[in-house]
Amino acid sequence: MKETIYITGASSITPLLPQKPSPYTYTAQDIPPCTYTETIRSACKEPDYKAYITDPAARRRMSRVVKMGLTAALQCLSGAGEMPGAIITATGLGCLSDTEKFLRTLIENKEELLNPTPFIQSTFNTVGSQIAISTKNMAYNNTYVHRGVSFESALLDGMMMLAGGEAESVLVGSYEELTATSFDIQSRLGFFRKGGKAGEGAQFFLLSAKEKSPCILRDLAFAFQPTPDELLEKAADFLLKNKVQKADIEMLISGDGGNEEEFTFYDKIEKNFPETQVVKYKHLTGDYQTVSSFALWLGTQIMGKADSPKKILIYNHFRNINHTFILLESRFDK
């Protein structure tokens, strides 16, 4: 990307790591070590939605994930002092509870006398639409539904809009919910293997071309079903493209979540940076399609101080299919 892109706002609603009252206060030492015993379902610690969604009628009509996504977006925009020129959201599975509610009613009522509201609210772009309605934003609004690479696709769209001068700031975020039904189905299908942890969450970011943030979003890269050796080549090419040496990466935020079948790729990348501090996070959030957004949020919190790492590399993959790298850089000189 030719344009320097700053992350000027970030918010997170997540299971085990509540957002601290002031930004940029996390260090690697704040993160407990990764320990697993069995596959479990991890639910978000949710805020008081009344403080953000003040209309009780609107709040009552919204499903849990819609409230999570909208609130995370409003938290991100609070204090920004500007209206984003685009709203770009991402989700892997969308509004599952509304989808389940509609299908259950469809079966129970034998396809008669159906309430259309759950169907309308179950669409993937519901959260993006609610953000636009709540903020009265009529700008570009798009939702990416690309499973394990949904968030990175949305992030790339936002970066391209800023680099092309189509907007001065862009709101990019993701949301995912884990219902009891989806957890049972995915567990039965073997999606949560031994050592894995199922999770959910909502993260939003305000990207800007203006210099007013300590955290720079330098670049991102994708790899589809690579071999371990091809993945190392992709990592080397990514760093070379951005004129970064391996020794320059002071922290690697790794998506290694303890899943035995996914270990090979994470182990390869971590061993490729032997002098780099490795931080893992899926034991805090659980795994889900857009979990890399939490890794980015964590990176922005760690990088926001003058003595923080100068460069952070985020690596994640989803079921050995979609592999992604995100490069963060601090504008502070050491």
Protein backbone atom coordinates (compact mmCIF):
# COMPACT_ATOMS: atom_id res chain seq x y z
CA MET A 1 0.00 0.00 0.00
CA LYS A 2 1.37 3.43 -0.97
CA GLU A 3 -0.68 5.34 1.59
CA THR A 4 0.28 5.11 5.26
CA ILE A 5 -2.74 3.82 7.14
CA TYR A 6 -3.22 4.48 10.85
CA ILE A 7 -5.48 2.60 13.24
CA THR A 8 -7.02 5.50 15.14
CA GLY A 9 -9.69 3.58 17.04
CA ALA A 10 -10.18 -0.01 18.18
CA SER A 11 -12.75 -1.84 20.29
CA SER A 12 -13.40 -5.42 21.33
CA ILE A 13 -16.16 -7.48 22.90
CA THR A 14 -14.57 -10.81 23.72
CA PRO A 15 -14.86 -13.75 26.15
CA LEU A 16 -11.98 -13.67 28.59
CA LEU A 17 -10.02 -10.44 28.26
CA PRO A 18 -12.16 -7.40 29.12
CA GLN A 19 -11.24 -4.11 27.52
CA LYS A 20 -9.23 -1.92 29.87
CA PRO A 21 -10.57 1.55 30.68
CA SER A 22 -7.70 3.32 28.90
CA PRO A 23 -6.20 2.20 25.57
CA TYR A 24 -2.67 1.05 24.89
CA THR A 25 -2.08 -0.49 28.30
CA TYR A 26 -1.56 -4.15 27.45
CA THR A 27 1.79 -5.85 27.46
CA ALA A 28 2.69 -9.44 26.68
CA GLN A 29 2.95 -10.04 30.44
CA ASP A 30 -0.78 -9.31 30.82
CA ILE A 31 -1.67 -12.41 28.79
CA PRO A 32 -1.87 -15.68 30.75
CA PRO A 33 -0.19 -18.76 29.24
CA CYS A 34 -2.00 -21.14 26.92
CA THR A 35 -3.33 -24.21 28.76
CA TYR A 36 -5.98 -26.63 27.44
CA THR A 37 -7.61 -29.72 28.86
CA GLU A 38 -10.75 -30.18 26.75
CA THR A 39 -12.87 -28.55 24.07
CA ILE A 40 -15.16 -25.96 25.62
CA ARG A 41 -17.51 -23.23 24.47
CA SER A 42 -16.47 -19.70 25.38
CA ALA A 43 -19.01 -16.86 25.52
CA CYS A 44 -18.38 -13.11 25.40
CA LYS A 45 -18.43 -10.82 28.40
CA GLU A 46 -21.01 -8.36 27.17
CA PRO A 47 -21.31 -4.69 28.14
CA ASP A 48 -24.48 -2.89 29.24
CA TYR A 49 -26.15 -2.37 25.87
CA LYS A 50 -28.47 0.30 27.27
CA ALA A 51 -25.54 2.72 27.38
CA TYR A 52 -25.03 2.41 23.61
CA ILE A 53 -28.39 1.39 22.13
CA THR A 54 -30.70 3.81 23.95
CA ASP A 55 -33.94 3.03 22.09
CA PRO A 56 -35.53 0.16 24.07
CA ALA A 57 -37.79 -0.89 21.18
CA ALA A 58 -34.86 -1.13 18.77
CA ARG A 59 -32.75 -2.92 21.36
CA ARG A 60 -35.50 -5.46 21.99
CA ARG A 61 -35.76 -6.31 18.30
CA MET A 62 -32.04 -6.93 17.94
CA SER A 63 -30.51 -10.35 18.43
CA ARG A 64 -27.52 -10.82 20.68
CA VAL A 65 -24.90 -10.74 17.92
CA VAL A 66 -26.42 -7.62 16.35
CA LYS A 67 -26.18 -5.84 19.70
CA MET A 68 -22.61 -7.06 20.11
CA GLY A 69 -21.53 -5.87 16.66
CA LEU A 70 -23.33 -2.53 16.84
CA THR A 71 -22.03 -1.77 20.33
CA ALA A 72 -18.44 -2.65 19.37
CA ALA A 73 -18.73 -0.30 16.39
CA LEU A 74 -20.15 2.53 18.52
CA GLN A 75 -17.39 2.00 21.10
CA CYS A 76 -14.82 2.29 18.33
CA LEU A 77 -16.36 5.47 16.95
CA SER A 78 -16.79 7.14 20.35
CA GLY A 79 -14.25 9.91 20.66
CA ALA A 80 -13.27 9.71 17.00
CA GLY A 81 -14.94 13.00 16.22
CA GLU A 82 -15.58 12.10 12.59
CA MET A 83 -18.00 10.16 10.42
CA PRO A 84 -16.28 7.30 8.57
CA GLY A 85 -16.36 7.44 4.78
CA ALA A 86 -17.19 3.73 4.63
CA ILE A 87 -18.51 0.95 6.84
CA ILE A 88 -17.10 -2.50 6.06
CA THR A 89 -18.07 -5.53 8.13
CA ALA A 90 -17.08 -9.19 8.05
CA THR A 91 -18.51 -12.41 9.39
CA GLY A 92 -18.02 -16.09 8.78
CA LEU A 93 -21.44 -17.43 9.75
CA GLY A 94 -23.55 -14.32 10.31
CA CYS A 95 -26.52 -13.99 12.67
CA LEU A 96 -26.95 -17.61 13.67
CA SER A 97 -29.55 -17.21 16.42
CA ASP A 98 -32.00 -15.46 14.09
CA THR A 99 -31.38 -18.05 11.40
CA GLU A 100 -32.08 -20.84 13.88
CA LYS A 101 -35.20 -19.08 15.14
CA PHE A 102 -36.61 -18.72 11.62
CA LEU A 103 -35.88 -22.33 10.67
CA ARG A 104 -37.33 -23.63 13.93
CA THR A 105 -40.54 -21.64 13.37
CA LEU A 106 -40.65 -22.85 9.78
CA ILE A 107 -40.68 -26.45 10.98
CA GLU A 108 -42.97 -26.01 13.98
CA ASN A 109 -45.59 -24.01 12.04
CA LYS A 110 -45.37 -26.27 9.00
CA GLU A 111 -44.39 -23.33 6.79
CA GLU A 112 -47.48 -21.32 7.72
CA LEU A 113 -48.01 -18.07 9.68
CA LEU A 114 -44.31 -17.25 9.71
CA ASN A 115 -42.89 -14.15 11.40
CA PRO A 116 -40.57 -12.52 8.82
CA THR A 117 -38.52 -10.59 11.41
CA PRO A 118 -36.02 -13.39 12.26
CA PHE A 119 -35.46 -13.99 8.54
CA ILE A 120 -34.85 -10.29 7.87
CA GLN A 121 -32.49 -10.02 10.86
CA SER A 122 -30.61 -13.17 9.88
CA THR A 123 -28.94 -11.67 6.80
CA PHE A 124 -25.18 -11.23 6.89
CA ASN A 125 -25.27 -7.46 6.41
CA THR A 126 -27.62 -6.80 9.34
CA VAL A 127 -24.86 -5.42 11.59
CA GLY A 128 -23.45 -3.13 8.90
CA SER A 129 -26.95 -1.83 8.21
CA GLN A 130 -27.65 -1.20 11.90
CA ILE A 131 -24.39 0.74 12.23
CA ALA A 132 -25.37 2.92 9.29
CA ILE A 133 -28.87 3.51 10.69
CA SER A 134 -27.60 4.29 14.19
CA THR A 135 -24.93 6.73 12.99
CA LYS A 136 -27.00 8.11 10.07
CA ASN A 137 -24.15 7.20 7.75
CA MET A 138 -25.11 6.93 4.07
CA ALA A 139 -21.62 6.16 2.76
CA TYR A 140 -20.27 2.97 1.17
CA ASN A 141 -21.43 -0.07 3.17
CA ASN A 142 -20.31 -3.62 2.42
CA THR A 143 -20.12 -6.99 4.19
CA TYR A 144 -17.65 -9.79 3.46
CA VAL A 145 -18.64 -13.40 4.11
CA HIS A 146 -15.56 -15.43 3.17
CA ARG A 147 -15.42 -17.77 6.18
CA GLY A 148 -11.85 -17.86 7.54
CA VAL A 149 -10.64 -14.93 5.46
CA SER A 150 -13.69 -12.67 5.89
CA PHE A 151 -12.04 -10.12 8.18
CA GLU A 152 -8.87 -9.82 6.13
CA SER A 153 -10.98 -9.29 2.99
CA ALA A 154 -12.84 -6.44 4.70
CA LEU A 155 -9.57 -5.01 5.97
CA LEU A 156 -8.07 -5.09 2.47
CA ASP A 157 -11.11 -3.31 1.07
CA GLY A 158 -10.75 -0.57 3.66
CA MET A 159 -7.02 -0.20 3.00
CA MET A 160 -7.62 0.07 -0.75
CA MET A 161 -10.28 2.75 -0.25
CA LEU A 162 -7.88 4.85 1.81
CA ALA A 163 -4.97 4.28 -0.56
CA GLY A 164 -7.15 5.26 -3.51
CA GLY A 165 -8.40 8.42 -1.83
CA GLU A 166 -12.03 7.24 -1.83
CA ALA A 167 -12.38 7.96 1.90
CA GLU A 168 -10.41 9.70 4.64
CA SER A 169 -11.45 7.19 7.30
CA VAL A 170 -13.02 3.74 7.19
CA LEU A 171 -14.73 1.68 9.88
CA VAL A 172 -13.79 -2.00 9.54
CA GLY A 173 -14.95 -4.75 11.88
CA SER A 174 -16.07 -8.31 12.33
CA TYR A 175 -18.56 -10.18 14.47
CA GLU A 176 -19.27 -13.82 15.23
CA GLU A 177 -21.59 -15.62 17.63
CA LEU A 178 -21.53 -19.18 18.87
CA THR A 179 -24.93 -20.63 19.68
CA ALA A 180 -25.50 -23.91 21.49
CA THR A 181 -26.81 -25.47 18.28
CA SER A 182 -23.88 -24.35 16.11
CA PHE A 183 -21.43 -25.53 18.79
CA ASP A 184 -23.04 -28.98 18.86
CA ILE A 185 -23.09 -29.26 15.07
CA GLN A 186 -19.51 -28.08 14.57
CA SER A 187 -18.29 -30.34 17.38
CA ARG A 188 -20.05 -33.31 15.81
CA LEU A 189 -18.47 -32.50 12.45
CA GLY A 190 -15.05 -32.41 14.09
CA PHE A 191 -14.37 -28.69 13.66
CA PHE A 192 -13.22 -28.36 17.27
CA ARG A 193 -10.54 -31.01 17.63
CA LYS A 194 -8.73 -32.14 20.76
CA GLY A 195 -7.18 -29.12 22.40
CA GLY A 196 -9.31 -26.64 20.49
CA LYS A 197 -11.62 -24.07 22.01
CA ALA A 198 -14.78 -22.61 20.45
CA GLY A 199 -15.36 -18.89 20.76
CA GLU A 200 -17.02 -15.73 19.51
CA GLY A 201 -16.45 -11.99 19.52
CA ALA A 202 -16.79 -8.60 17.85
CA GLN A 203 -13.94 -6.22 17.01
CA PHE A 204 -14.00 -2.90 15.14
CA PHE A 205 -11.29 -0.54 13.90
CA LEU A 206 -11.23 2.98 12.54
CA LEU A 207 -8.63 3.31 9.79
CA SER A 208 -7.39 6.71 8.72
CA ALA A 209 -4.87 8.19 6.29
CA LYS A 210 -4.22 11.03 8.72
CA GLU A 211 -1.31 10.79 11.15
CA LYS A 212 -2.96 10.76 14.56
CA SER A 213 -2.27 7.29 15.94
CA PRO A 214 0.78 5.40 17.20
CA CYS A 215 -0.19 2.27 15.27
CA ILE A 216 0.31 1.86 11.52
CA LEU A 217 -1.35 -0.91 9.53
CA ARG A 218 1.47 -1.59 7.10
CA ASP A 219 0.24 -4.48 4.97
CA LEU A 220 -1.46 -7.88 4.85
CA ALA A 221 -1.05 -11.04 2.80
CA PHE A 222 -3.05 -14.18 2.00
CA ALA A 223 -2.07 -17.78 1.27
CA PHE A 224 -4.52 -20.48 0.16
CA GLN A 225 -3.80 -24.07 1.22
CA PRO A 226 0.00 -23.76 1.19
CA THR A 227 2.40 -26.49 2.24
CA PRO A 228 4.52 -25.60 5.29
CA ASP A 229 7.48 -24.77 3.03
CA GLU A 230 5.31 -22.64 0.74
CA LEU A 231 4.05 -20.79 3.79
CA LEU A 232 7.61 -19.92 4.83
CA GLU A 233 8.28 -18.64 1.33
CA LYS A 234 5.12 -16.53 1.52
CA ALA A 235 6.24 -15.05 4.84
CA ALA A 236 9.69 -14.25 3.42
CA ASP A 237 8.18 -12.60 0.31
CA PHE A 238 5.77 -10.60 2.47
CA LEU A 239 8.59 -9.20 4.60
CA LEU A 240 10.76 -8.53 1.55
CA LYS A 241 7.93 -6.63 -0.14
CA ASN A 242 7.67 -4.37 2.93
CA LYS A 243 11.48 -4.02 3.28
CA VAL A 244 11.46 -5.73 6.67
CA GLN A 245 14.07 -8.17 7.99
CA LYS A 246 13.16 -11.12 10.20
CA ALA A 247 15.19 -9.56 12.98
CA ASP A 248 13.00 -6.44 12.79
CA ILE A 249 9.92 -8.38 13.94
CA GLU A 250 9.94 -7.92 17.70
CA MET A 251 6.66 -9.72 18.40
CA LEU A 252 4.76 -12.50 16.65
CA ILE A 253 1.07 -12.77 17.54
CA SER A 254 0.31 -16.39 16.73
CA GLY A 255 -3.11 -17.95 16.21
CA ASP A 256 -1.88 -21.24 17.67
CA GLY A 257 -4.79 -22.38 19.80
CA GLY A 258 -3.59 -25.74 21.00
CA ASN A 259 -5.29 -27.70 18.20
CA GLU A 260 -3.09 -30.69 17.49
CA GLU A 261 -3.95 -30.84 13.79
CA GLU A 262 -3.05 -27.18 13.23
CA PHE A 263 0.24 -27.29 15.11
CA THR A 264 2.56 -27.87 12.12
CA PHE A 265 2.01 -24.51 10.43
CA TYR A 266 2.18 -22.45 13.62
CA ASP A 267 5.29 -24.31 14.73
CA LYS A 268 6.95 -23.62 11.37
CA ILE A 269 6.26 -19.90 11.55
CA GLU A 270 7.24 -19.55 15.21
CA LYS A 271 10.53 -21.38 14.66
CA ASN A 272 11.18 -19.14 11.67
CA PHE A 273 11.45 -16.21 14.08
CA PRO A 274 13.64 -17.71 16.85
CA GLU A 275 14.58 -14.34 18.39
CA THR A 276 11.03 -12.97 18.37
CA GLN A 277 8.68 -12.84 21.33
CA VAL A 278 5.64 -15.04 20.60
CA VAL A 279 2.21 -14.13 21.99
CA LYS A 280 -0.76 -16.53 21.66
CA TYR A 281 -4.36 -15.52 22.14
CA LYS A 282 -6.92 -18.18 21.17
CA HIS A 283 -6.89 -19.58 24.69
CA LEU A 284 -8.47 -16.23 25.65
CA THR A 285 -11.07 -15.95 22.91
CA GLY A 286 -11.58 -19.42 21.50
CA ASP A 287 -11.39 -20.02 17.75
CA TYR A 288 -13.84 -18.74 15.16
CA GLN A 289 -13.81 -17.60 11.53
CA THR A 290 -12.92 -13.95 12.17
CA VAL A 291 -10.76 -14.39 15.29
CA SER A 292 -7.81 -12.66 13.62
CA SER A 293 -9.63 -9.39 14.28
CA PHE A 294 -9.00 -9.95 17.99
CA ALA A 295 -5.31 -10.50 17.24
CA LEU A 296 -5.26 -7.15 15.45
CA TRP A 297 -7.03 -5.47 18.36
CA LEU A 298 -4.50 -6.98 20.78
CA GLY A 299 -1.66 -5.76 18.58
CA THR A 300 -2.99 -2.20 18.59
CA GLN A 301 -3.19 -2.23 22.40
CA ILE A 302 0.34 -3.55 22.81
CA MET A 303 1.83 -1.22 20.20
CA GLY A 304 0.40 2.03 21.49
CA LYS A 305 3.23 3.01 23.84
CA ALA A 306 6.62 4.56 23.10
CA ASP A 307 8.47 1.54 24.49
CA SER A 308 6.32 -1.02 22.67
CA PRO A 309 7.55 -3.29 19.87
CA LYS A 310 8.37 -1.39 16.69
CA LYS A 311 7.02 -4.10 14.40
CA ILE A 312 4.46 -6.84 15.09
CA LEU A 313 3.58 -9.69 12.75
CA ILE A 314 0.20 -11.41 13.13
CA TYR A 315 -0.20 -14.90 11.68
CA ASN A 316 -3.39 -16.96 11.62
CA HIS A 317 -5.03 -19.67 9.60
CA PHE A 318 -8.46 -21.24 9.57
CA ARG A 319 -8.55 -25.05 9.39
CA ASN A 320 -5.38 -25.22 7.29
CA ILE A 321 -7.14 -23.49 4.40
CA ASN A 322 -6.85 -19.70 4.54
CA HIS A 323 -3.56 -18.39 5.95
CA THR A 324 -3.01 -14.68 6.59
CA PHE A 325 -0.28 -12.28 7.71
CA ILE A 326 -0.85 -8.76 9.05
CA LEU A 327 2.07 -6.38 9.62
CA LEU A 328 1.79 -3.61 12.22
CA GLU A 329 4.35 -0.87 12.74
CA SER A 330 4.70 1.75 15.44
CA ARG A 331 5.39 5.33 14.42
CA PHE A 332 7.34 5.82 17.63
CA ASP A 333 11.12 5.74 17.21
CA LYS A 334 13.04 3.68 19.73
